[in-house]
C-alpha atoms as a PDB file:
ATOM      1  CA  MET A   1     -13.390  20.260 -13.800  1.00  0.00           C
ATOM      2  CA  GLU A   2     -10.028  19.552 -12.053  1.00  0.00           C
ATOM      3  CA  ALA A   3     -11.491  20.356  -8.641  1.00  0.00           C
ATOM      4  CA  GLN A   4     -14.538  18.160  -9.367  1.00  0.00           C
ATOM      5  CA  ARG A   5     -12.172  15.342 -10.401  1.00  0.00           C
ATOM      6  CA  LEU A   6     -10.231  15.631  -7.213  1.00  0.00           C
ATOM      7  CA  LEU A   7     -13.327  15.700  -5.091  1.00  0.00           C
ATOM      8  CA  HIS A   8     -14.677  12.735  -6.814  1.00  0.00           C
ATOM      9  CA  ARG A   9     -11.423  10.873  -6.361  1.00  0.00           C
ATOM     10  CA  PHE A  10     -10.531  11.812  -2.792  1.00  0.00           C
ATOM     11  CA  CYS A  11     -13.855  12.458  -1.030  1.00  0.00           C
ATOM     12  CA  SER A  12     -14.769   8.836  -0.871  1.00  0.00           C
ATOM     13  CA  ASN A  13     -15.195   8.114   2.817  1.00  0.00           C
ATOM     14  CA  SER A  14     -11.985   6.090   3.216  1.00  0.00           C
ATOM     15  CA  ALA A  15      -9.454   6.342   5.872  1.00  0.00           C
ATOM     16  CA  ILE A  16      -6.699   6.812   3.273  1.00  0.00           C
ATOM     17  CA  PRO A  17      -7.337   8.011  -0.254  1.00  0.00           C
ATOM     18  CA  PRO A  18      -7.906   5.567  -3.128  1.00  0.00           C
ATOM     19  CA  ILE A  19      -5.019   5.588  -5.478  1.00  0.00           C
ATOM     20  CA  GLN A  20      -4.808   2.531  -7.670  1.00  0.00           C
ATOM     21  CA  ASN A  21      -8.212   1.093  -7.146  1.00  0.00           C
ATOM     22  CA  PRO A  22     -11.078   3.384  -6.075  1.00  0.00           C
ATOM     23  CA  ARG A  23     -12.802   0.526  -4.262  1.00  0.00           C
ATOM     24  CA  LYS A  24      -9.742  -0.442  -2.345  1.00  0.00           C
ATOM     25  CA  PRO A  25      -8.173   2.397  -0.263  1.00  0.00           C
ATOM     26  CA  LEU A  26      -4.389   2.552   0.165  1.00  0.00           C
ATOM     27  CA  PHE A  27      -2.914   1.247   3.383  1.00  0.00           C
ATOM     28  CA  CYS A  28       0.748   1.397   4.246  1.00  0.00           C
ATOM     29  CA  THR A  29       1.833  -1.321   6.752  1.00  0.00           C
ATOM     30  CA  PHE A  30       5.094  -2.788   8.026  1.00  0.00           C
ATOM     31  CA  ASN A  31       5.672  -6.553   7.780  1.00  0.00           C
ATOM     32  CA  PRO A  32       8.569  -7.810   9.914  1.00  0.00           C
ATOM     33  CA  LEU A  33      10.668 -10.469   8.115  1.00  0.00           C
ATOM     34  CA  MET A  34      11.444 -13.763   9.682  1.00  0.00           C
ATOM     35  CA  ASP A  35      15.088 -12.877  10.524  1.00  0.00           C
ATOM     36  CA  ARG A  36      14.635 -10.559  13.453  1.00  0.00           C
ATOM     37  CA  SER A  37      18.393 -10.624  14.281  1.00  0.00           C
ATOM     38  CA  LYS A  38      18.963  -8.124  11.519  1.00  0.00           C
ATOM     39  CA  ARG A  39      16.300  -5.750  12.858  1.00  0.00           C
ATOM     40  CA  TRP A  40      15.008  -5.465   9.362  1.00  0.00           C
ATOM     41  CA  VAL A  41      11.519  -4.275   8.694  1.00  0.00           C
ATOM     42  CA  SER A  42      10.036  -4.042   5.209  1.00  0.00           C
ATOM     43  CA  LEU A  43       7.236  -1.642   4.246  1.00  0.00           C
ATOM     44  CA  ARG A  44       4.580  -2.942   2.017  1.00  0.00           C
ATOM     45  CA  ILE A  45       1.527  -1.248   0.311  1.00  0.00           C
ATOM     46  CA  HIS A  46      -1.688  -3.159   0.633  1.00  0.00           C
ATOM     47  CA  HIS A  47      -5.307  -2.469  -0.382  1.00  0.00           C
ATOM     48  CA  TYR A  48      -8.178  -3.442   1.869  1.00  0.00           C
ATOM     49  CA  ASP A  49     -11.854  -2.642   1.994  1.00  0.00           C
ATOM     50  CA  VAL A  50     -12.632  -0.639   5.116  1.00  0.00           C
ATOM     51  CA  PRO A  51     -15.662   0.891   6.646  1.00  0.00           C
ATOM     52  CA  GLN A  52     -16.493   4.474   5.741  1.00  0.00           C
ATOM     53  CA  THR A  53     -14.864   6.795   8.381  1.00  0.00           C
ATOM     54  CA  VAL A  54     -13.587  10.003   6.909  1.00  0.00           C
ATOM     55  CA  SER A  55     -15.299  12.664   4.881  1.00  0.00           C
ATOM     56  CA  CYS A  56     -14.009  15.852   3.187  1.00  0.00           C
ATOM     57  CA  SER A  57     -15.538  18.952   1.718  1.00  0.00           C
ATOM     58  CA  ASN A  58     -15.131  21.261  -1.144  1.00  0.00           C
ATOM     59  CA  ARG A  59     -13.559  23.938   1.114  1.00  0.00           C
ATOM     60  CA  ARG A  60     -10.754  21.677   2.291  1.00  0.00           C
ATOM     61  CA  LEU A  61      -9.715  21.057  -1.299  1.00  0.00           C
ATOM     62  CA  GLU A  62      -9.610  24.650  -2.316  1.00  0.00           C
ATOM     63  CA  CYS A  63      -6.157  26.015  -3.204  1.00  0.00           C
ATOM     64  CA  ARG A  64      -5.098  29.180  -1.594  1.00  0.00           C
ATOM     65  CA  ASN A  65      -2.678  31.287  -3.653  1.00  0.00           C
ATOM     66  CA  SER A  66      -1.291  34.122  -1.531  1.00  0.00           C
ATOM     67  CA  VAL A  67       1.788  36.242  -2.167  1.00  0.00           C
ATOM     68  CA  GLU A  68       1.725  37.266   1.519  1.00  0.00           C
ATOM     69  CA  LYS A  69       1.162  34.173   3.583  1.00  0.00           C
ATOM     70  CA  ALA A  70       2.844  30.717   3.018  1.00  0.00           C
ATOM     71  CA  GLY A  71       0.392  27.980   2.793  1.00  0.00           C
ATOM     72  CA  GLY A  72      -1.262  25.280   0.785  1.00  0.00           C
ATOM     73  CA  PHE A  73      -4.827  24.206   1.479  1.00  0.00           C
ATOM     74  CA  THR A  74      -7.363  25.907   3.774  1.00  0.00           C
ATOM     75  CA  GLY A  75     -10.131  24.419   5.911  1.00  0.00           C
ATOM     76  CA  ASP A  76     -12.773  25.422   8.367  1.00  0.00           C
ATOM     77  CA  GLU A  77     -11.461  23.830  11.607  1.00  0.00           C
ATOM     78  CA  LYS A  78     -10.145  26.824  13.479  1.00  0.00           C
ATOM     79  CA  ASP A  79      -8.652  27.142  16.973  1.00  0.00           C
ATOM     80  CA  SER A  80     -11.178  28.861  19.211  1.00  0.00           C
ATOM     81  CA  GLU A  81      -8.567  31.356  20.554  1.00  0.00           C
ATOM     82  CA  SER A  82      -6.373  32.149  17.567  1.00  0.00           C
ATOM     83  CA  GLY A  83      -8.885  31.636  14.845  1.00  0.00           C
ATOM     84  CA  ILE A  84      -6.273  29.649  12.898  1.00  0.00           C
ATOM     85  CA  ARG A  85      -6.953  26.138  11.820  1.00  0.00           C
ATOM     86  CA  ARG A  86      -4.587  23.343  12.918  1.00  0.00           C
ATOM     87  CA  LYS A  87      -2.463  22.307  10.001  1.00  0.00           C
ATOM     88  CA  ASN A  88      -1.875  18.868   8.687  1.00  0.00           C
ATOM     89  CA  LEU A  89       1.764  17.981   8.119  1.00  0.00           C
ATOM     90  CA  ALA A  90       3.593  15.336   6.075  1.00  0.00           C
ATOM     91  CA  VAL A  91       7.180  14.584   7.111  1.00  0.00           C
ATOM     92  CA  PHE A  92       9.697  13.040   4.791  1.00  0.00           C
ATOM     93  CA  VAL A  93      12.640  11.037   6.278  1.00  0.00           C
ATOM     94  CA  SER A  94      15.445   8.716   5.082  1.00  0.00           C
ATOM     95  CA  GLY A  95      17.042   7.865   8.420  1.00  0.00           C
ATOM     96  CA  GLY A  96      16.684   8.020  12.167  1.00  0.00           C
ATOM     97  CA  GLY A  97      14.292  11.008  12.014  1.00  0.00           C
ATOM     98  CA  SER A  98      15.364  12.909  15.117  1.00  0.00           C
ATOM     99  CA  ASN A  99      13.987  16.080  13.725  1.00  0.00           C
ATOM    100  CA  PHE A 100      10.733  14.339  12.880  1.00  0.00           C
ATOM    101  CA  ARG A 101      10.516  13.184  16.491  1.00  0.00           C
ATOM    102  CA  SER A 102      11.157  16.624  17.764  1.00  0.00           C
ATOM    103  CA  ILE A 103       8.401  18.101  15.654  1.00  0.00           C
ATOM    104  CA  HIS A 104       5.995  15.312  16.611  1.00  0.00           C
ATOM    105  CA  GLU A 105       6.679  15.916  20.287  1.00  0.00           C
ATOM    106  CA  ALA A 106       6.190  19.605  19.710  1.00  0.00           C
ATOM    107  CA  CYS A 107       2.780  19.028  18.097  1.00  0.00           C
ATOM    108  CA  LEU A 108       1.741  16.813  21.088  1.00  0.00           C
ATOM    109  CA  ARG A 109       2.681  19.322  23.697  1.00  0.00           C
ATOM    110  CA  GLY A 110       1.040  22.245  21.753  1.00  0.00           C
ATOM    111  CA  SER A 111       4.152  24.143  20.666  1.00  0.00           C
ATOM    112  CA  VAL A 112       3.299  23.529  17.029  1.00  0.00           C
ATOM    113  CA  HIS A 113      -0.383  24.234  15.950  1.00  0.00           C
ATOM    114  CA  GLY A 114      -0.531  21.163  13.704  1.00  0.00           C
ATOM    115  CA  ASP A 115      -0.565  17.423  13.476  1.00  0.00           C
ATOM    116  CA  ILE A 116       1.657  14.921  11.596  1.00  0.00           C
ATOM    117  CA  ALA A 117      -0.811  13.185   9.260  1.00  0.00           C
ATOM    118  CA  VAL A 118       1.627  10.938   7.391  1.00  0.00           C
ATOM    119  CA  LEU A 119       5.232   9.989   7.121  1.00  0.00           C
ATOM    120  CA  VAL A 120       6.958   9.416   3.826  1.00  0.00           C
ATOM    121  CA  THR A 121      10.244   7.486   3.477  1.00  0.00           C
ATOM    122  CA  ASN A 122      12.411   6.050   0.699  1.00  0.00           C
ATOM    123  CA  LYS A 123      13.740   3.278   2.930  1.00  0.00           C
ATOM    124  CA  SER A 124      11.742   0.378   4.221  1.00  0.00           C
ATOM    125  CA  GLY A 125      14.102  -1.442   6.547  1.00  0.00           C
ATOM    126  CA  ILE A 126      16.424  -0.898   9.580  1.00  0.00           C
ATOM    127  CA  GLN A 127      20.002  -2.185   9.988  1.00  0.00           C
ATOM    128  CA  GLU A 128      22.970  -0.441  11.557  1.00  0.00           C
ATOM    129  CA  PHE A 129      23.116   2.536  13.891  1.00  0.00           C
ATOM    130  CA  THR A 130      25.826   5.060  14.664  1.00  0.00           C
ATOM    131  CA  ILE A 131      25.618   7.045  17.959  1.00  0.00           C
ATOM    132  CA  ILE A 132      26.688  10.683  17.613  1.00  0.00           C
ATOM    133  CA  LYS A 133      28.486  12.045  20.703  1.00  0.00           C
ATOM    134  CA  ASP A 134      26.607  14.014  23.355  1.00  0.00           C
ATOM    135  CA  THR A 135      23.149  13.374  21.844  1.00  0.00           C
ATOM    136  CA  SER A 136      20.555  10.573  21.859  1.00  0.00           C
ATOM    137  CA  TYR A 137      20.452  10.808  18.027  1.00  0.00           C
ATOM    138  CA  LEU A 138      20.882   7.546  16.208  1.00  0.00           C
ATOM    139  CA  GLU A 139      22.083   7.940  12.661  1.00  0.00           C
ATOM    140  CA  GLN A 140      21.292   4.880  10.591  1.00  0.00           C
ATOM    141  CA  GLU A 141      23.600   3.525   7.935  1.00  0.00           C
ATOM    142  CA  GLU A 142      20.750   1.779   6.175  1.00  0.00           C
ATOM    143  CA  GLY A 143      17.028   1.638   6.787  1.00  0.00           C
ATOM    144  CA  CYS A 144      14.634   4.155   8.387  1.00  0.00           C
ATOM    145  CA  GLY A 145      14.254   4.448  12.173  1.00  0.00           C
ATOM    146  CA  GLY A 146      11.915   7.374  11.567  1.00  0.00           C
ATOM    147  CA  ALA A 147       9.470   5.004   9.974  1.00  0.00           C
ATOM    148  CA  GLU A 148       9.677   2.655  12.875  1.00  0.00           C
ATOM    149  CA  TYR A 149       8.913   5.529  15.237  1.00  0.00           C
ATOM    150  CA  ALA A 150       5.939   6.582  13.116  1.00  0.00           C
ATOM    151  CA  ARG A 151       4.632   3.033  13.130  1.00  0.00           C
ATOM    152  CA  ALA A 152       4.890   2.883  16.897  1.00  0.00           C
ATOM    153  CA  LYS A 153       2.947   6.170  17.172  1.00  0.00           C
ATOM    154  CA  GLY A 154       0.203   5.072  14.767  1.00  0.00           C
ATOM    155  CA  ILE A 155       1.272   7.560  12.002  1.00  0.00           C
ATOM    156  CA  PRO A 156       0.580   6.187   8.539  1.00  0.00           C
ATOM    157  CA  VAL A 157       3.792   5.541   6.480  1.00  0.00           C
ATOM    158  CA  ILE A 158       4.171   5.684   2.716  1.00  0.00           C
ATOM    159  CA  LEU A 159       7.155   4.303   0.801  1.00  0.00           C
ATOM    160  CA  PHE A 160       8.389   6.595  -1.998  1.00  0.00           C
ATOM    161  CA  PRO A 161       9.759   6.550  -4.658  1.00  0.00           C
ATOM    162  CA  LYS A 162       9.083   3.400  -6.646  1.00  0.00           C
ATOM    163  CA  THR A 163      12.278   1.753  -7.689  1.00  0.00           C
ATOM    164  CA  LYS A 164      13.504  -1.673  -8.768  1.00  0.00           C
ATOM    165  CA  ASP A 165      14.359  -2.425  -5.184  1.00  0.00           C
ATOM    166  CA  GLU A 166      11.095  -1.069  -3.941  1.00  0.00           C
ATOM    167  CA  PRO A 167       8.506  -1.961  -6.528  1.00  0.00           C
ATOM    168  CA  GLU A 168       5.609  -1.623  -4.142  1.00  0.00           C
ATOM    169  CA  ALA A 169       6.303   2.045  -3.360  1.00  0.00           C
ATOM    170  CA  VAL A 170       4.142   4.774  -4.901  1.00  0.00           C
ATOM    171  CA  SER A 171       4.876   6.919  -7.879  1.00  0.00           C
ATOM    172  CA  SER A 172       5.070  10.686  -7.860  1.00  0.00           C
ATOM    173  CA  ASN A 173       1.448  11.200  -8.959  1.00  0.00           C
ATOM    174  CA  GLU A 174       0.215   8.639  -6.548  1.00  0.00           C
ATOM    175  CA  LEU A 175       2.188  10.425  -3.760  1.00  0.00           C
ATOM    176  CA  VAL A 176       0.548  13.762  -4.591  1.00  0.00           C
ATOM    177  CA  ALA A 177      -2.848  12.062  -4.569  1.00  0.00           C
ATOM    178  CA  ALA A 178      -2.149  10.404  -1.225  1.00  0.00           C
ATOM    179  CA  LEU A 179      -1.101  13.717   0.366  1.00  0.00           C
ATOM    180  CA  ARG A 180      -4.167  15.405  -1.060  1.00  0.00           C
ATOM    181  CA  GLY A 181      -6.266  12.733   0.583  1.00  0.00           C
ATOM    182  CA  PHE A 182      -4.657  13.284   3.919  1.00  0.00           C
ATOM    183  CA  GLU A 183      -5.416  17.000   3.483  1.00  0.00           C
ATOM    184  CA  VAL A 184      -1.755  17.893   3.925  1.00  0.00           C
ATOM    185  CA  ASP A 185      -1.027  21.593   4.251  1.00  0.00           C
ATOM    186  CA  PHE A 186       2.736  21.582   4.551  1.00  0.00           C
ATOM    187  CA  ILE A 187       5.503  19.115   3.821  1.00  0.00           C
ATOM    188  CA  LEU A 188       8.589  18.916   6.070  1.00  0.00           C
ATOM    189  CA  LEU A 189      11.811  17.223   4.827  1.00  0.00           C
ATOM    190  CA  ALA A 190      13.734  15.960   7.871  1.00  0.00           C
ATOM    191  CA  GLY A 191      16.808  14.175   6.602  1.00  0.00           C
ATOM    192  CA  TYR A 192      15.169  13.137   3.317  1.00  0.00           C
ATOM    193  CA  LEU A 193      17.951  12.403   0.872  1.00  0.00           C
ATOM    194  CA  LYS A 194      16.131  12.233  -2.428  1.00  0.00           C
ATOM    195  CA  LEU A 195      15.382  15.066  -4.787  1.00  0.00           C
ATOM    196  CA  ILE A 196      11.767  16.136  -4.518  1.00  0.00           C
ATOM    197  CA  PRO A 197       9.883  15.473  -7.793  1.00  0.00           C
ATOM    198  CA  VAL A 198       8.637  18.453  -9.777  1.00  0.00           C
ATOM    199  CA  GLU A 199       5.059  17.153  -9.461  1.00  0.00           C
ATOM    200  CA  LEU A 200       5.236  17.624  -5.695  1.00  0.00           C
ATOM    201  CA  ILE A 201       6.885  21.103  -6.002  1.00  0.00           C
ATOM    202  CA  ARG A 202       4.049  22.281  -8.268  1.00  0.00           C
ATOM    203  CA  ALA A 203       1.327  20.745  -6.082  1.00  0.00           C
ATOM    204  CA  TYR A 204       2.668  22.381  -2.932  1.00  0.00           C
ATOM    205  CA  PRO A 205       4.159  25.816  -3.905  1.00  0.00           C
ATOM    206  CA  LYS A 206       5.812  27.611  -1.003  1.00  0.00           C
ATOM    207  CA  SER A 207       4.659  24.885   1.231  1.00  0.00           C
ATOM    208  CA  ILE A 208       7.716  22.465   1.458  1.00  0.00           C
ATOM    209  CA  LEU A 209      10.437  23.026   4.053  1.00  0.00           C
ATOM    210  CA  ASN A 210      13.790  21.358   4.445  1.00  0.00           C
ATOM    211  CA  ILE A 211      16.515  21.576   7.100  1.00  0.00           C
ATOM    212  CA  HIS A 212      20.125  21.432   6.126  1.00  0.00           C
ATOM    213  CA  PRO A 213      23.100  21.089   8.692  1.00  0.00           C
ATOM    214  CA  SER A 214      25.047  24.013   7.370  1.00  0.00           C
ATOM    215  CA  LEU A 215      24.691  27.796   6.884  1.00  0.00           C
ATOM    216  CA  LEU A 216      23.452  27.794   3.311  1.00  0.00           C
ATOM    217  CA  PRO A 217      24.370  28.570   0.608  1.00  0.00           C
ATOM    218  CA  ALA A 218      27.694  27.283   1.962  1.00  0.00           C
ATOM    219  CA  PHE A 219      28.221  23.469   1.982  1.00  0.00           C
ATOM    220  CA  GLY A 220      24.935  22.745   0.228  1.00  0.00           C
ATOM    221  CA  GLY A 221      23.879  20.879  -2.994  1.00  0.00           C
ATOM    222  CA  LYS A 222      24.026  17.410  -4.249  1.00  0.00           C
ATOM    223  CA  GLY A 223      26.394  15.215  -2.231  1.00  0.00           C
ATOM    224  CA  TYR A 224      26.377  17.444   0.868  1.00  0.00           C
ATOM    225  CA  TYR A 225      24.374  15.556   3.530  1.00  0.00           C
ATOM    226  CA  GLY A 226      25.036  14.016   6.930  1.00  0.00           C
ATOM    227  CA  MET A 227      28.609  13.781   8.171  1.00  0.00           C
ATOM    228  CA  LYS A 228      29.939  14.810   4.777  1.00  0.00           C
ATOM    229  CA  VAL A 229      28.748  18.356   5.453  1.00  0.00           C
ATOM    230  CA  HIS A 230      30.506  18.622   8.823  1.00  0.00           C
ATOM    231  CA  LYS A 231      33.725  17.153   7.537  1.00  0.00           C
ATOM    232  CA  ALA A 232      33.677  19.780   4.665  1.00  0.00           C
ATOM    233  CA  VAL A 233      33.087  22.612   7.147  1.00  0.00           C
ATOM    234  CA  ILE A 234      36.034  21.588   9.301  1.00  0.00           C
ATOM    235  CA  ALA A 235      38.361  21.068   6.302  1.00  0.00           C
ATOM    236  CA  SER A 236      37.434  24.586   4.983  1.00  0.00           C
ATOM    237  CA  GLY A 237      38.587  26.224   8.173  1.00  0.00           C
ATOM    238  CA  ALA A 238      35.158  27.996   8.658  1.00  0.00           C
ATOM    239  CA  ARG A 239      34.763  29.315  12.144  1.00  0.00           C
ATOM    240  CA  TYR A 240      30.970  29.001  12.210  1.00  0.00           C
ATOM    241  CA  SER A 241      28.349  26.600  11.032  1.00  0.00           C
ATOM    242  CA  GLY A 242      24.741  25.884  11.852  1.00  0.00           C
ATOM    243  CA  PRO A 243      21.422  24.687  10.482  1.00  0.00           C
ATOM    244  CA  THR A 244      19.316  26.258   7.798  1.00  0.00           C
ATOM    245  CA  VAL A 245      15.599  25.928   7.298  1.00  0.00           C
ATOM    246  CA  HIS A 246      14.659  26.796   3.697  1.00  0.00           C
ATOM    247  CA  PHE A 247      11.811  26.399   1.222  1.00  0.00           C
ATOM    248  CA  VAL A 248      12.246  23.653  -1.318  1.00  0.00           C
ATOM    249  CA  ASP A 249      12.505  24.057  -5.093  1.00  0.00           C
ATOM    250  CA  GLU A 250      13.472  21.764  -7.956  1.00  0.00           C
ATOM    251  CA  HIS A 251      17.188  21.619  -6.892  1.00  0.00           C
ATOM    252  CA  TYR A 252      19.232  20.540  -3.868  1.00  0.00           C
ATOM    253  CA  ASP A 253      19.365  23.216  -1.182  1.00  0.00           C
ATOM    254  CA  THR A 254      18.773  26.243  -3.397  1.00  0.00           C
ATOM    255  CA  GLY A 255      15.308  27.334  -2.088  1.00  0.00           C
ATOM    256  CA  ARG A 256      14.659  30.542  -0.252  1.00  0.00           C
ATOM    257  CA  ILE A 257      16.180  30.570   3.266  1.00  0.00           C
ATOM    258  CA  LEU A 258      13.614  30.994   6.117  1.00  0.00           C
ATOM    259  CA  ALA A 259      15.675  30.635   9.253  1.00  0.00           C
ATOM    260  CA  GLN A 260      19.245  29.940  10.442  1.00  0.00           C
ATOM    261  CA  ARG A 261      21.014  29.338  13.723  1.00  0.00           C
ATOM    262  CA  VAL A 262      24.845  29.903  14.192  1.00  0.00           C
ATOM    263  CA  VAL A 263      27.140  27.547  16.195  1.00  0.00           C
ATOM    264  CA  PRO A 264      30.887  27.857  16.596  1.00  0.00           C
ATOM    265  CA  VAL A 265      33.342  25.508  14.984  1.00  0.00           C
ATOM    266  CA  LEU A 266      36.004  24.799  17.526  1.00  0.00           C
ATOM    267  CA  ALA A 267      39.678  24.445  16.623  1.00  0.00           C
ATOM    268  CA  ASP A 268      39.887  20.836  17.777  1.00  0.00           C
ATOM    269  CA  ASP A 269      36.400  19.732  16.548  1.00  0.00           C
ATOM    270  CA  ALA A 270      35.891  16.287  15.094  1.00  0.00           C
ATOM    271  CA  ALA A 271      33.063  15.891  12.649  1.00  0.00           C
ATOM    272  CA  ASP A 272      30.835  14.043  15.008  1.00  0.00           C
ATOM    273  CA  GLU A 273      31.340  16.689  17.722  1.00  0.00           C
ATOM    274  CA  LEU A 274      30.313  19.466  15.310  1.00  0.00           C
ATOM    275  CA  ALA A 275      27.385  17.356  14.115  1.00  0.00           C
ATOM    276  CA  ALA A 276      26.086  17.047  17.650  1.00  0.00           C
ATOM    277  CA  ARG A 277      26.352  20.751  18.288  1.00  0.00           C
ATOM    278  CA  VAL A 278      24.535  21.568  15.045  1.00  0.00           C
ATOM    279  CA  LEU A 279      21.821  18.879  15.609  1.00  0.00           C
ATOM    280  CA  ARG A 280      20.824  20.326  18.985  1.00  0.00           C
ATOM    281  CA  GLU A 281      20.110  23.601  17.235  1.00  0.00           C
ATOM    282  CA  GLU A 282      18.312  21.832  14.423  1.00  0.00           C
ATOM    283  CA  HIS A 283      15.734  20.426  16.846  1.00  0.00           C
ATOM    284  CA  HIS A 284      14.946  23.932  18.180  1.00  0.00           C
ATOM    285  CA  LEU A 285      15.102  25.778  14.876  1.00  0.00           C
ATOM    286  CA  TYR A 286      12.938  23.318  12.875  1.00  0.00           C
ATOM    287  CA  VAL A 287      10.251  23.369  15.543  1.00  0.00           C
ATOM    288  CA  GLU A 288      10.297  27.141  15.555  1.00  0.00           C
ATOM    289  CA  ALA A 289       9.982  27.326  11.841  1.00  0.00           C
ATOM    290  CA  THR A 290       7.243  24.777  11.746  1.00  0.00           C
ATOM    291  CA  SER A 291       5.346  26.640  14.484  1.00  0.00           C
ATOM    292  CA  ALA A 292       5.581  29.895  12.429  1.00  0.00           C
ATOM    293  CA  ILE A 293       4.272  28.284   9.231  1.00  0.00           C
ATOM    294  CA  CYS A 294       1.448  26.555  11.049  1.00  0.00           C
ATOM    295  CA  ASP A 295       0.604  29.834  12.799  1.00  0.00           C
ATOM    296  CA  GLU A 296       0.524  31.572   9.369  1.00  0.00           C
ATOM    297  CA  ARG A 297       3.363  33.840  10.574  1.00  0.00           C
ATOM    298  CA  VAL A 298       5.537  33.401   7.429  1.00  0.00           C
ATOM    299  CA  VAL A 299       5.203  36.287   5.044  1.00  0.00           C
ATOM    300  CA  TRP A 300       7.004  37.054   1.756  1.00  0.00           C
ATOM    301  CA  ARG A 301       8.768  40.296   1.120  1.00  0.00           C
ATOM    302  CA  GLU A 302       8.395  41.980  -2.234  1.00  0.00           C
ATOM    303  CA  ASP A 303      11.873  40.693  -3.242  1.00  0.00           C
ATOM    304  CA  GLY A 304      10.682  37.092  -2.688  1.00  0.00           C
ATOM    305  CA  VAL A 305      12.468  36.547   0.693  1.00  0.00           C
ATOM    306  CA  PRO A 306      10.327  34.747   3.355  1.00  0.00           C
ATOM    307  CA  ILE A 307      10.477  36.252   6.864  1.00  0.00           C
ATOM    308  CA  ILE A 308       8.941  35.137  10.180  1.00  0.00           C
ATOM    309  CA  GLN A 309       6.546  37.346  12.113  1.00  0.00           C
ATOM    310  CA  SER A 310       7.103  37.363  15.870  1.00  0.00           C
ATOM    311  CA  LYS A 311       4.612  35.511  17.840  1.00  0.00           C
ATOM    312  CA  GLU A 312       4.972  37.926  20.797  1.00  0.00           C
ATOM    313  CA  ASN A 313       5.212  41.112  18.782  1.00  0.00           C
ATOM    314  CA  PRO A 314       3.470  41.126  15.374  1.00  0.00           C
ATOM    315  CA  ASN A 315       5.428  44.165  14.320  1.00  0.00           C
ATOM    316  CA  GLN A 316       8.769  42.438  14.523  1.00  0.00           C
ATOM    317  CA  TYR A 317      10.138  40.064  11.882  1.00  0.00           C
ATOM    318  CA  SER A 318      13.175  37.817  11.611  1.00  0.00           C
END
């Protein structure tokens, strides 16, 4: 009955799934405000009648529960060489979205066997920027440059969660429904600062990844994000740091670790210098982890630890 209900709800031939009104599909658009000097863009949710353009099938809404391979939904569009279907990705961002951009570029050049179907953000505007040394990364004090990038690339944007400040954003259940409609296989958190709701965790088991700018479990948890992490690393006297890609559970930074990369902490490091060093590795590591999960090369050991199968040598794991 649940599968039939989902099919009835999401297999209308609309470009984006109907959420609040089945006759008026959800569209996420940006409306620039009049004061352009503040570089502020607000995201609004609208509902419009549109021509029928997209269809879906029972097979694409089947849930695959596997203890061996990480994954969400399965479909029938497979690569002619590998036999593996391209995966649909949803990326969550709160700021500049440099990791989002790296993954999107990797998808375009073929390094990742997937496509970014939708971007989710909790911020609808853009204001101030901070340039981190030695990188082109722009860290935003407020607003979401990742959403601006997505809009420029034609990637749909959803505002979440619904708050007093963002009353037109979607609720947790509406978000799950929208991601189902986009046929999302995996969710990638790329600098998303909100706790993921349990509804999403349950809807996408072993299918949500996050990247954190320290070697977890050190310097993780609520309150450890952005420059705060790097300042804490330096203050602790740690000699090494680096990014961690991990699966997401109901808490901050406690999910199973999938991949890590080590960088040195230098004796005279400032926080922004360490941040730049870690960020360069983040861009490589997250692309590699995303490639592995899209290629179905992530397997789970009997003790519940995820490991990555080598692309060149299937008998090697890391």
